Amino acid sequence: MLLVNFGFILYFYRTYGKNGLYAYIPITIILAQIQVNKAIEIGGMSSTLGNIMFASSFLVTDILSEKYGVKAAAKGAKIGLMSNIAATILLQVSVAFEPSTADYSQVAMETLFGPLSRFTAVGLICYWISQNIDIHLFEKLKKRFPENKHLWLRNNGSTMLSQFVDTAIFTYLAFYLSFDFLGFSYPGFYDFKTCLEIFTTTYLMKIVIASFDTPFLYLAKKMHREGIVQDGKLREV
């Protein structure tokens, strides 16, 4: 999954340059929201498939930060946020339609895209916070360690800290916090010990995923340096 996903990122970058990276961000964010419904086991640890796709969005913004600067990366993060909001609203509208008697997909769509949940709302908040931390920390590390040999430090340092914050906030708000909102009560799902276990396993999974994207960041930079990235223009069909 990592190889295929990172491979597509490099393909989009090589073929369409910066525009290709902007185009791929909505793919990662929207698919991550769908894949989060699927539970998997990796190395004996339970996780969601969405973690792999979501973590890959940080490779995209790191490429943007490295080659085009913090403003380009921030633009990519905004594209991801608005794509997520638009997809969520449009899918809610789709589910709300009364299906015909010949329909066979309504139950599945309700399962995947049912009423807006606290998980969706918390996911949007965490995405925006963690992406901004990643982008600005990457920029600070780049100013402090600008050499190419320190690219791994910029990449892993920014991603691992931002993923720590993302996982901590999501676990607390989505699973632990109890609150009332607009007359509705939202109890916490798990006790503190269970939430700590969820945080630990999820963060470890994200660390593993983040460590795998470093060679692809070096490769993306090499592609740009050698002039094989089709930046600012589209290939003829």
Protein backbone atom coordinates (compact mmCIF):
# COMPACT_ATOMS: atom_id res chain seq x y z
CA MET A 1 0.00 0.00 0.00
CA LEU A 2 2.83 2.37 0.88
CA LEU A 3 4.76 1.58 -2.29
CA VAL A 4 1.71 2.00 -4.53
CA ASN A 5 0.61 5.22 -2.84
CA PHE A 6 4.05 6.84 -2.77
CA GLY A 7 4.60 5.66 -6.34
CA PHE A 8 1.46 7.50 -7.47
CA ILE A 9 2.64 10.66 -5.68
CA LEU A 10 5.92 10.57 -7.62
CA TYR A 11 4.06 9.87 -10.87
CA PHE A 12 1.73 12.84 -10.36
CA TYR A 13 4.71 15.02 -9.46
CA ARG A 14 6.83 13.92 -12.42
CA THR A 15 3.97 14.29 -14.92
CA TYR A 16 2.22 17.43 -13.66
CA GLY A 17 4.70 19.07 -11.27
CA LYS A 18 3.31 21.20 -8.46
CA ASN A 19 -0.19 20.99 -9.95
CA GLY A 20 0.03 17.21 -9.73
CA LEU A 21 0.77 17.40 -6.01
CA TYR A 22 -2.19 19.73 -5.49
CA ALA A 23 -4.38 17.27 -7.40
CA TYR A 24 -3.21 14.28 -5.36
CA ILE A 25 -3.91 15.83 -1.95
CA PRO A 26 -7.74 15.49 -2.24
CA ILE A 27 -7.24 11.86 -3.29
CA THR A 28 -5.35 11.07 -0.09
CA ILE A 29 -7.71 12.96 2.21
CA ILE A 30 -11.02 11.72 0.77
CA LEU A 31 -9.88 8.11 0.47
CA ALA A 32 -8.47 8.21 4.00
CA GLN A 33 -11.93 9.18 5.29
CA ILE A 34 -13.40 6.15 3.49
CA GLN A 35 -10.63 3.71 4.38
CA VAL A 36 -10.74 4.64 8.07
CA ASN A 37 -13.81 2.39 8.27
CA LYS A 38 -11.67 -0.68 7.52
CA ALA A 39 -9.75 -2.23 10.43
CA ILE A 40 -6.53 -4.11 9.71
CA GLU A 41 -3.67 -5.72 11.64
CA ILE A 42 -0.02 -4.99 10.96
CA GLY A 43 2.63 -6.72 13.05
CA GLY A 44 0.02 -7.75 15.60
CA MET A 45 -1.20 -4.16 16.06
CA SER A 46 -4.72 -3.11 15.19
CA SER A 47 -5.05 -0.05 13.01
CA THR A 48 -7.23 1.44 10.32
CA LEU A 49 -6.35 1.39 6.65
CA GLY A 50 -6.99 5.13 6.55
CA ASN A 51 -3.83 5.80 8.59
CA ILE A 52 -1.65 4.77 5.65
CA MET A 53 -3.42 7.02 3.16
CA PHE A 54 -3.70 9.95 5.59
CA ALA A 55 0.00 9.83 6.51
CA SER A 56 0.95 9.99 2.84
CA SER A 57 -0.56 13.49 2.59
CA PHE A 58 2.36 14.69 4.71
CA LEU A 59 4.81 13.47 2.06
CA VAL A 60 3.00 15.66 -0.47
CA THR A 61 3.14 18.80 1.68
CA ASP A 62 6.79 18.08 2.56
CA ILE A 63 7.67 17.98 -1.15
CA LEU A 64 5.82 21.27 -1.61
CA SER A 65 7.65 22.77 1.39
CA GLU A 66 11.06 21.59 0.21
CA LYS A 67 10.80 22.70 -3.42
CA TYR A 68 8.25 25.54 -3.46
CA GLY A 69 8.18 27.00 0.06
CA VAL A 70 5.82 27.30 2.99
CA LYS A 71 3.12 29.25 1.08
CA ALA A 72 2.80 26.50 -1.54
CA ALA A 73 2.56 23.86 1.19
CA ALA A 74 -0.05 25.90 3.09
CA LYS A 75 -2.07 26.17 -0.13
CA GLY A 76 -1.94 22.39 -0.45
CA ALA A 77 -3.20 21.96 3.12
CA LYS A 78 -6.12 24.33 2.40
CA ILE A 79 -6.98 22.36 -0.73
CA GLY A 80 -7.04 19.19 1.37
CA LEU A 81 -9.26 20.76 4.03
CA MET A 82 -11.79 22.21 1.57
CA SER A 83 -11.84 18.99 -0.47
CA ASN A 84 -12.65 17.07 2.69
CA ILE A 85 -15.44 19.46 3.68
CA ALA A 86 -16.93 19.47 0.16
CA ALA A 87 -16.80 15.68 -0.15
CA THR A 88 -18.39 15.24 3.30
CA ILE A 89 -21.30 17.58 2.51
CA LEU A 90 -21.92 16.16 -0.97
CA LEU A 91 -21.88 12.58 0.34
CA GLN A 92 -24.35 13.54 3.09
CA VAL A 93 -26.67 14.88 0.39
CA SER A 94 -26.23 11.69 -1.66
CA VAL A 95 -27.22 9.48 1.27
CA ALA A 96 -30.26 11.66 1.98
CA PHE A 97 -31.84 10.85 -1.39
CA GLU A 98 -34.65 8.31 -1.23
CA PRO A 99 -33.38 5.23 -3.11
CA SER A 100 -35.46 3.56 -5.78
CA THR A 101 -36.70 0.00 -5.41
CA ALA A 102 -33.96 -1.14 -7.81
CA ASP A 103 -31.19 0.38 -5.67
CA TYR A 104 -28.69 -1.93 -3.98
CA SER A 105 -26.15 0.54 -2.55
CA GLN A 106 -28.06 2.60 0.03
CA VAL A 107 -27.22 0.42 3.05
CA ALA A 108 -23.52 0.38 2.17
CA MET A 109 -23.50 4.14 1.57
CA GLU A 110 -25.23 4.78 4.89
CA THR A 111 -22.59 2.67 6.62
CA LEU A 112 -19.69 4.56 5.05
CA PHE A 113 -21.15 8.04 4.66
CA GLY A 114 -23.95 8.16 7.23
CA PRO A 115 -24.85 11.13 9.45
CA LEU A 116 -21.97 13.48 10.21
CA SER A 117 -20.24 12.04 13.26
CA ARG A 118 -17.90 13.46 15.86
CA PHE A 119 -15.14 11.44 14.19
CA THR A 120 -15.54 13.38 10.94
CA ALA A 121 -15.59 16.73 12.71
CA VAL A 122 -12.60 15.85 14.88
CA GLY A 123 -10.76 14.52 11.83
CA LEU A 124 -11.14 17.88 10.06
CA ILE A 125 -9.86 19.76 13.11
CA CYS A 126 -6.89 17.44 13.56
CA TYR A 127 -5.98 17.55 9.88
CA TRP A 128 -5.82 21.35 9.84
CA ILE A 129 -3.82 21.59 13.09
CA SER A 130 -1.34 18.83 12.26
CA GLN A 131 -0.73 20.01 8.69
CA ASN A 132 0.04 23.54 9.86
CA ILE A 133 2.43 22.23 12.50
CA ASP A 134 4.14 20.02 9.92
CA ILE A 135 4.48 22.80 7.34
CA HIS A 136 5.82 25.49 9.66
CA LEU A 137 8.12 23.15 11.58
CA PHE A 138 9.52 21.85 8.29
CA GLU A 139 10.26 25.46 7.29
CA LYS A 140 11.99 26.21 10.60
CA LEU A 141 14.10 23.05 10.35
CA LYS A 142 14.98 23.92 6.76
CA LYS A 143 16.30 27.31 7.86
CA ARG A 144 18.28 25.69 10.70
CA PHE A 145 19.50 22.67 8.69
CA PRO A 146 19.38 23.69 5.00
CA GLU A 147 21.80 21.06 3.65
CA ASN A 148 20.50 18.23 1.49
CA LYS A 149 22.03 15.69 3.90
CA HIS A 150 19.60 16.95 6.57
CA LEU A 151 16.50 16.46 4.43
CA TRP A 152 15.68 13.33 6.43
CA LEU A 153 15.73 15.43 9.62
CA ARG A 154 13.38 18.05 8.21
CA ASN A 155 11.04 15.36 6.91
CA ASN A 156 10.92 13.07 9.94
CA GLY A 157 11.16 15.78 12.59
CA SER A 158 8.21 17.77 11.28
CA THR A 159 6.07 14.74 10.45
CA MET A 160 6.63 12.86 13.70
CA LEU A 161 5.83 15.86 15.89
CA SER A 162 2.76 16.83 13.87
CA GLN A 163 1.52 13.23 13.91
CA PHE A 164 2.02 13.11 17.69
CA VAL A 165 -0.19 16.17 18.10
CA ASP A 166 -2.72 14.83 15.58
CA THR A 167 -2.99 11.45 17.32
CA ALA A 168 -3.20 12.96 20.81
CA ILE A 169 -5.96 15.44 19.91
CA PHE A 170 -7.95 12.91 17.88
CA THR A 171 -7.79 10.22 20.58
CA TYR A 172 -8.86 12.68 23.28
CA LEU A 173 -11.69 14.35 21.37
CA ALA A 174 -13.01 11.31 19.50
CA PHE A 175 -12.73 8.59 22.15
CA TYR A 176 -12.29 10.08 25.64
CA LEU A 177 -14.01 13.45 25.95
CA SER A 178 -17.63 13.63 27.14
CA PHE A 179 -19.57 16.79 26.29
CA ASP A 180 -22.99 18.28 25.51
CA PHE A 181 -23.60 20.20 22.29
CA LEU A 182 -26.87 21.74 21.00
CA GLY A 183 -28.88 19.66 23.42
CA PHE A 184 -27.19 16.38 22.47
CA SER A 185 -24.98 14.39 24.83
CA TYR A 186 -21.77 12.86 23.51
CA PRO A 187 -20.26 10.44 26.03
CA GLY A 188 -16.69 9.23 25.83
CA PHE A 189 -16.23 5.76 24.37
CA TYR A 190 -13.30 4.45 26.41
CA ASP A 191 -11.53 4.99 29.72
CA PHE A 192 -8.15 6.69 29.94
CA LYS A 193 -6.12 3.46 29.89
CA THR A 194 -7.80 2.22 26.73
CA CYS A 195 -7.39 5.60 25.05
CA LEU A 196 -3.71 5.57 25.97
CA GLU A 197 -3.35 2.18 24.27
CA ILE A 198 -5.15 3.48 21.17
CA PHE A 199 -2.89 6.53 21.10
CA THR A 200 0.28 4.44 21.49
CA THR A 201 -0.49 1.88 18.80
CA THR A 202 -1.80 4.49 16.35
CA TYR A 203 1.19 6.78 16.82
CA LEU A 204 3.67 3.92 16.46
CA MET A 205 1.94 2.96 13.21
CA LYS A 206 2.24 6.51 11.93
CA ILE A 207 5.94 6.61 12.89
CA VAL A 208 6.57 3.48 10.83
CA ILE A 209 4.68 4.93 7.86
CA ALA A 210 6.51 8.29 8.14
CA SER A 211 9.92 6.59 8.16
CA PHE A 212 9.12 4.89 4.85
CA ASP A 213 8.42 8.13 2.98
CA THR A 214 11.90 9.65 3.43
CA PRO A 215 13.52 7.87 0.43
CA PHE A 216 10.62 9.03 -1.74
CA LEU A 217 11.19 12.64 -0.67
CA TYR A 218 14.86 12.35 -1.68
CA LEU A 219 13.78 10.82 -4.99
CA ALA A 220 11.28 13.63 -5.62
CA LYS A 221 14.00 16.22 -5.00
CA LYS A 222 16.37 14.34 -7.32
CA MET A 223 13.71 14.25 -10.05
CA HIS A 224 13.24 18.01 -9.79
CA ARG A 225 16.98 18.68 -9.80
CA GLU A 226 17.47 16.59 -12.94
CA GLY A 227 14.72 18.46 -14.76
CA ILE A 228 12.39 15.53 -15.41
CA VAL A 229 9.48 17.09 -13.49
CA GLN A 230 6.93 18.63 -15.86
CA ASP A 231 6.49 21.77 -13.76
CA GLY A 232 4.11 24.46 -14.93
CA LYS A 233 2.96 22.60 -18.03
CA LEU A 234 0.80 19.65 -18.98
CA ARG A 235 1.73 16.83 -21.26
CA GLU A 236 -0.13 16.52 -24.56
CA VAL A 237 -2.54 13.61 -24.77
